[in-house]
């Protein structure tokens, strides 16, 4: 978790910067950084072992992203911190 948080802090603010995290159970969250304090989260949804669709929210601050990452790795409810939509 600490390494992941450091990587979030280091991600440059230039267009196309992307970072993703995968847990042992294959749960995945991915982020794109648009500006210093502007992020998108993308959460792939797997159904019957195959990619079905993604849920996303493009209105996240850096602090919110870091809290989502913490909860993700702690196995806590990270989804409540964002407004995921298809």
N, C-alpha and C. Protein backbone atom coordinates (compact mmCIF):
# COMPACT_ATOMS: atom_id res chain seq x y z
N UNK A 1 0.82 -1.18 0.00
CA UNK A 1 0.00 0.00 0.00
C UNK A 1 0.87 1.26 0.00
N UNK A 2 1.92 1.27 0.79
CA UNK A 2 2.79 2.45 0.87
C UNK A 2 3.47 2.72 -0.47
N UNK A 3 3.89 1.67 -1.15
CA UNK A 3 4.52 1.84 -2.46
C UNK A 3 3.50 2.41 -3.44
N UNK A 4 2.28 1.92 -3.40
CA UNK A 4 1.22 2.41 -4.29
C UNK A 4 0.97 3.90 -4.05
N UNK A 5 0.92 4.31 -2.79
CA UNK A 5 0.68 5.72 -2.48
C UNK A 5 1.82 6.61 -2.96
N UNK A 6 3.05 6.12 -2.86
CA UNK A 6 4.18 6.89 -3.38
C UNK A 6 4.10 7.03 -4.90
N UNK A 7 3.65 5.98 -5.57
CA UNK A 7 3.51 6.02 -7.02
C UNK A 7 2.44 7.02 -7.44
N UNK A 8 1.35 7.10 -6.68
CA UNK A 8 0.31 8.09 -6.96
C UNK A 8 0.91 9.49 -6.88
N UNK A 9 1.68 9.75 -5.83
CA UNK A 9 2.29 11.07 -5.66
C UNK A 9 3.26 11.40 -6.78
N UNK A 10 3.95 10.40 -7.30
CA UNK A 10 4.98 10.64 -8.32
C UNK A 10 4.41 10.76 -9.73
N UNK A 11 3.17 10.34 -9.95
CA UNK A 11 2.63 10.33 -11.31
C UNK A 11 2.56 11.75 -11.86
N UNK A 12 3.23 12.00 -12.98
CA UNK A 12 3.23 13.35 -13.55
C UNK A 12 1.84 13.79 -14.00
N UNK A 13 1.68 15.07 -14.21
CA UNK A 13 0.38 15.62 -14.59
C UNK A 13 0.24 15.81 -16.09
N UNK A 14 1.12 15.24 -16.87
CA UNK A 14 1.00 15.36 -18.32
C UNK A 14 -0.07 14.40 -18.83
N UNK A 15 -0.64 14.72 -19.98
CA UNK A 15 -1.73 13.93 -20.54
C UNK A 15 -1.32 12.47 -20.75
N UNK A 16 -2.24 11.57 -20.47
CA UNK A 16 -2.02 10.16 -20.71
C UNK A 16 -1.38 9.40 -19.57
N UNK A 17 -1.18 10.04 -18.43
CA UNK A 17 -0.59 9.33 -17.31
C UNK A 17 -1.61 8.45 -16.65
N UNK A 18 -1.24 7.19 -16.49
CA UNK A 18 -2.14 6.13 -16.07
C UNK A 18 -1.43 5.27 -15.05
N UNK A 19 -2.17 4.83 -14.02
CA UNK A 19 -1.63 3.90 -13.05
C UNK A 19 -2.76 2.97 -12.62
N UNK A 20 -2.43 1.71 -12.41
CA UNK A 20 -3.44 0.74 -12.00
C UNK A 20 -2.91 -0.17 -10.92
N UNK A 21 -3.83 -0.71 -10.14
CA UNK A 21 -3.48 -1.62 -9.05
C UNK A 21 -4.39 -2.85 -9.11
N UNK A 22 -3.79 -4.02 -8.87
CA UNK A 22 -4.53 -5.28 -8.92
C UNK A 22 -4.24 -6.03 -7.62
N UNK A 23 -5.32 -6.52 -6.99
CA UNK A 23 -5.16 -7.33 -5.78
C UNK A 23 -5.12 -8.81 -6.14
N UNK A 24 -4.79 -9.64 -5.17
CA UNK A 24 -4.66 -11.07 -5.39
C UNK A 24 -5.93 -11.69 -5.97
N UNK A 25 -7.10 -11.14 -5.62
CA UNK A 25 -8.36 -11.68 -6.11
C UNK A 25 -8.72 -11.14 -7.50
N UNK A 26 -7.79 -10.45 -8.13
CA UNK A 26 -7.92 -9.87 -9.48
C UNK A 26 -8.76 -8.60 -9.51
N UNK A 27 -9.20 -8.09 -8.35
CA UNK A 27 -9.90 -6.82 -8.33
C UNK A 27 -8.91 -5.74 -8.80
N UNK A 28 -9.39 -4.86 -9.67
CA UNK A 28 -8.53 -3.86 -10.30
C UNK A 28 -9.14 -2.48 -10.20
N UNK A 29 -8.29 -1.49 -9.92
CA UNK A 29 -8.68 -0.09 -10.06
C UNK A 29 -7.58 0.60 -10.86
N UNK A 30 -8.00 1.55 -11.68
CA UNK A 30 -7.07 2.25 -12.55
C UNK A 30 -7.37 3.74 -12.48
N UNK A 31 -6.34 4.55 -12.60
CA UNK A 31 -6.50 5.99 -12.51
C UNK A 31 -5.78 6.68 -13.66
N UNK A 32 -6.35 7.79 -14.11
CA UNK A 32 -5.70 8.68 -15.07
C UNK A 32 -5.62 10.05 -14.39
N UNK A 33 -4.45 10.65 -14.45
CA UNK A 33 -4.27 11.97 -13.86
C UNK A 33 -4.30 13.00 -14.97
N UNK A 34 -5.27 13.92 -14.89
CA UNK A 34 -5.42 14.97 -15.91
C UNK A 34 -4.61 16.20 -15.56
N UNK A 35 -4.68 16.60 -14.29
CA UNK A 35 -3.99 17.78 -13.79
C UNK A 35 -3.50 17.48 -12.39
N UNK A 36 -2.89 18.47 -11.76
CA UNK A 36 -2.35 18.29 -10.41
C UNK A 36 -3.37 17.67 -9.45
N UNK A 37 -4.61 18.14 -9.51
CA UNK A 37 -5.62 17.67 -8.56
C UNK A 37 -6.90 17.24 -9.27
N UNK A 38 -6.75 16.60 -10.42
CA UNK A 38 -7.89 16.16 -11.22
C UNK A 38 -7.62 14.75 -11.77
N UNK A 39 -8.45 13.79 -11.35
CA UNK A 39 -8.24 12.38 -11.68
C UNK A 39 -9.53 11.73 -12.18
N UNK A 40 -9.35 10.63 -12.90
CA UNK A 40 -10.43 9.73 -13.28
C UNK A 40 -10.11 8.36 -12.71
N UNK A 41 -11.13 7.68 -12.18
CA UNK A 41 -10.96 6.29 -11.77
C UNK A 41 -11.73 5.42 -12.75
N UNK A 42 -11.17 4.28 -13.08
CA UNK A 42 -11.79 3.29 -13.94
C UNK A 42 -11.73 1.96 -13.19
N UNK A 43 -12.90 1.34 -13.01
CA UNK A 43 -12.96 0.06 -12.31
C UNK A 43 -13.57 -0.98 -13.23
N UNK A 44 -12.74 -1.85 -13.82
CA UNK A 44 -13.26 -2.89 -14.70
C UNK A 44 -14.18 -3.85 -13.94
N UNK A 45 -15.27 -4.24 -14.60
CA UNK A 45 -16.21 -5.20 -14.02
C UNK A 45 -16.07 -6.51 -14.78
N UNK A 46 -15.81 -7.56 -14.03
CA UNK A 46 -15.64 -8.89 -14.61
C UNK A 46 -16.89 -9.71 -14.29
N UNK A 47 -17.47 -10.29 -15.32
CA UNK A 47 -18.64 -11.15 -15.14
C UNK A 47 -18.37 -12.47 -15.85
N UNK A 48 -18.58 -13.56 -15.12
CA UNK A 48 -18.34 -14.91 -15.67
C UNK A 48 -16.93 -15.05 -16.21
N UNK A 49 -15.98 -14.44 -15.50
CA UNK A 49 -14.58 -14.56 -15.85
C UNK A 49 -14.11 -13.70 -17.01
N UNK A 50 -14.99 -12.83 -17.53
CA UNK A 50 -14.62 -12.00 -18.67
C UNK A 50 -14.95 -10.54 -18.39
N UNK A 51 -14.18 -9.66 -19.03
CA UNK A 51 -14.46 -8.23 -18.91
C UNK A 51 -15.84 -7.95 -19.46
N UNK A 52 -16.65 -7.24 -18.68
CA UNK A 52 -18.01 -6.89 -19.11
C UNK A 52 -18.10 -5.42 -19.47
N UNK A 53 -17.67 -4.55 -18.54
CA UNK A 53 -17.71 -3.12 -18.75
C UNK A 53 -16.89 -2.45 -17.64
N UNK A 54 -16.77 -1.14 -17.72
CA UNK A 54 -16.06 -0.39 -16.68
C UNK A 54 -17.00 0.60 -16.03
N UNK A 55 -16.71 0.88 -14.76
CA UNK A 55 -17.37 1.95 -14.04
C UNK A 55 -16.34 3.04 -13.83
N UNK A 56 -16.76 4.30 -13.93
CA UNK A 56 -15.76 5.36 -13.75
C UNK A 56 -16.36 6.60 -13.12
N UNK A 57 -15.47 7.44 -12.66
CA UNK A 57 -15.79 8.75 -12.09
C UNK A 57 -14.62 9.66 -12.46
N UNK A 58 -14.92 10.82 -13.03
CA UNK A 58 -13.84 11.70 -13.49
C UNK A 58 -13.74 12.98 -12.67
N UNK A 59 -14.19 12.92 -11.43
CA UNK A 59 -14.20 14.11 -10.58
C UNK A 59 -13.51 13.82 -9.24
N UNK A 60 -12.28 13.35 -9.29
CA UNK A 60 -11.57 12.98 -8.07
C UNK A 60 -10.37 13.88 -7.81
N UNK A 61 -10.16 14.21 -6.56
CA UNK A 61 -8.97 14.95 -6.14
C UNK A 61 -7.86 13.96 -5.81
N UNK A 62 -6.66 14.46 -5.69
CA UNK A 62 -5.52 13.62 -5.33
C UNK A 62 -5.73 12.99 -3.95
N UNK A 63 -6.22 13.74 -3.00
CA UNK A 63 -6.45 13.19 -1.66
C UNK A 63 -7.48 12.07 -1.70
N UNK A 64 -8.53 12.23 -2.50
CA UNK A 64 -9.55 11.19 -2.61
C UNK A 64 -8.96 9.94 -3.26
N UNK A 65 -8.14 10.12 -4.29
CA UNK A 65 -7.48 8.99 -4.94
C UNK A 65 -6.64 8.22 -3.92
N UNK A 66 -5.89 8.94 -3.11
CA UNK A 66 -5.04 8.28 -2.12
C UNK A 66 -5.88 7.53 -1.08
N UNK A 67 -7.01 8.08 -0.69
CA UNK A 67 -7.88 7.39 0.26
C UNK A 67 -8.50 6.15 -0.39
N UNK A 68 -8.87 6.24 -1.66
CA UNK A 68 -9.40 5.07 -2.37
C UNK A 68 -8.35 3.97 -2.42
N UNK A 69 -7.11 4.33 -2.74
CA UNK A 69 -6.02 3.35 -2.81
C UNK A 69 -5.82 2.68 -1.45
N UNK A 70 -5.81 3.47 -0.38
CA UNK A 70 -5.66 2.90 0.97
C UNK A 70 -6.75 1.89 1.26
N UNK A 71 -8.00 2.29 1.04
CA UNK A 71 -9.12 1.38 1.32
C UNK A 71 -9.09 0.15 0.42
N UNK A 72 -8.70 0.33 -0.83
CA UNK A 72 -8.59 -0.79 -1.77
C UNK A 72 -7.66 -1.85 -1.21
N UNK A 73 -6.48 -1.45 -0.77
CA UNK A 73 -5.50 -2.41 -0.26
C UNK A 73 -5.85 -2.94 1.12
N UNK A 74 -6.63 -2.20 1.89
CA UNK A 74 -7.06 -2.67 3.21
C UNK A 74 -8.32 -3.54 3.14
N UNK A 75 -8.89 -3.67 1.96
CA UNK A 75 -10.10 -4.47 1.79
C UNK A 75 -11.35 -3.78 2.31
N UNK A 76 -11.29 -2.45 2.38
CA UNK A 76 -12.42 -1.67 2.86
C UNK A 76 -13.23 -1.14 1.68
N UNK A 77 -14.38 -0.56 1.97
CA UNK A 77 -15.29 -0.06 0.94
C UNK A 77 -14.76 1.22 0.30
N UNK A 78 -14.01 1.09 -0.76
CA UNK A 78 -13.46 2.25 -1.46
C UNK A 78 -14.49 2.87 -2.40
N UNK A 79 -15.48 2.07 -2.84
CA UNK A 79 -16.48 2.55 -3.79
C UNK A 79 -17.31 3.71 -3.25
N UNK A 80 -17.47 3.76 -1.93
CA UNK A 80 -18.28 4.82 -1.33
C UNK A 80 -17.63 6.21 -1.46
N UNK A 81 -16.36 6.26 -1.84
CA UNK A 81 -15.64 7.53 -1.97
C UNK A 81 -15.79 8.16 -3.35
N UNK A 82 -16.42 7.43 -4.27
CA UNK A 82 -16.58 7.98 -5.60
C UNK A 82 -17.97 7.67 -6.14
N UNK A 83 -18.30 8.34 -7.21
CA UNK A 83 -19.61 8.20 -7.83
C UNK A 83 -19.44 7.40 -9.13
N UNK A 84 -19.27 6.09 -8.98
CA UNK A 84 -19.01 5.25 -10.15
C UNK A 84 -20.26 5.12 -11.01
N UNK A 85 -20.05 5.28 -12.31
CA UNK A 85 -21.14 5.11 -13.26
C UNK A 85 -20.62 4.41 -14.51
N UNK A 86 -21.53 3.79 -15.21
CA UNK A 86 -21.18 3.01 -16.40
C UNK A 86 -21.00 3.92 -17.58
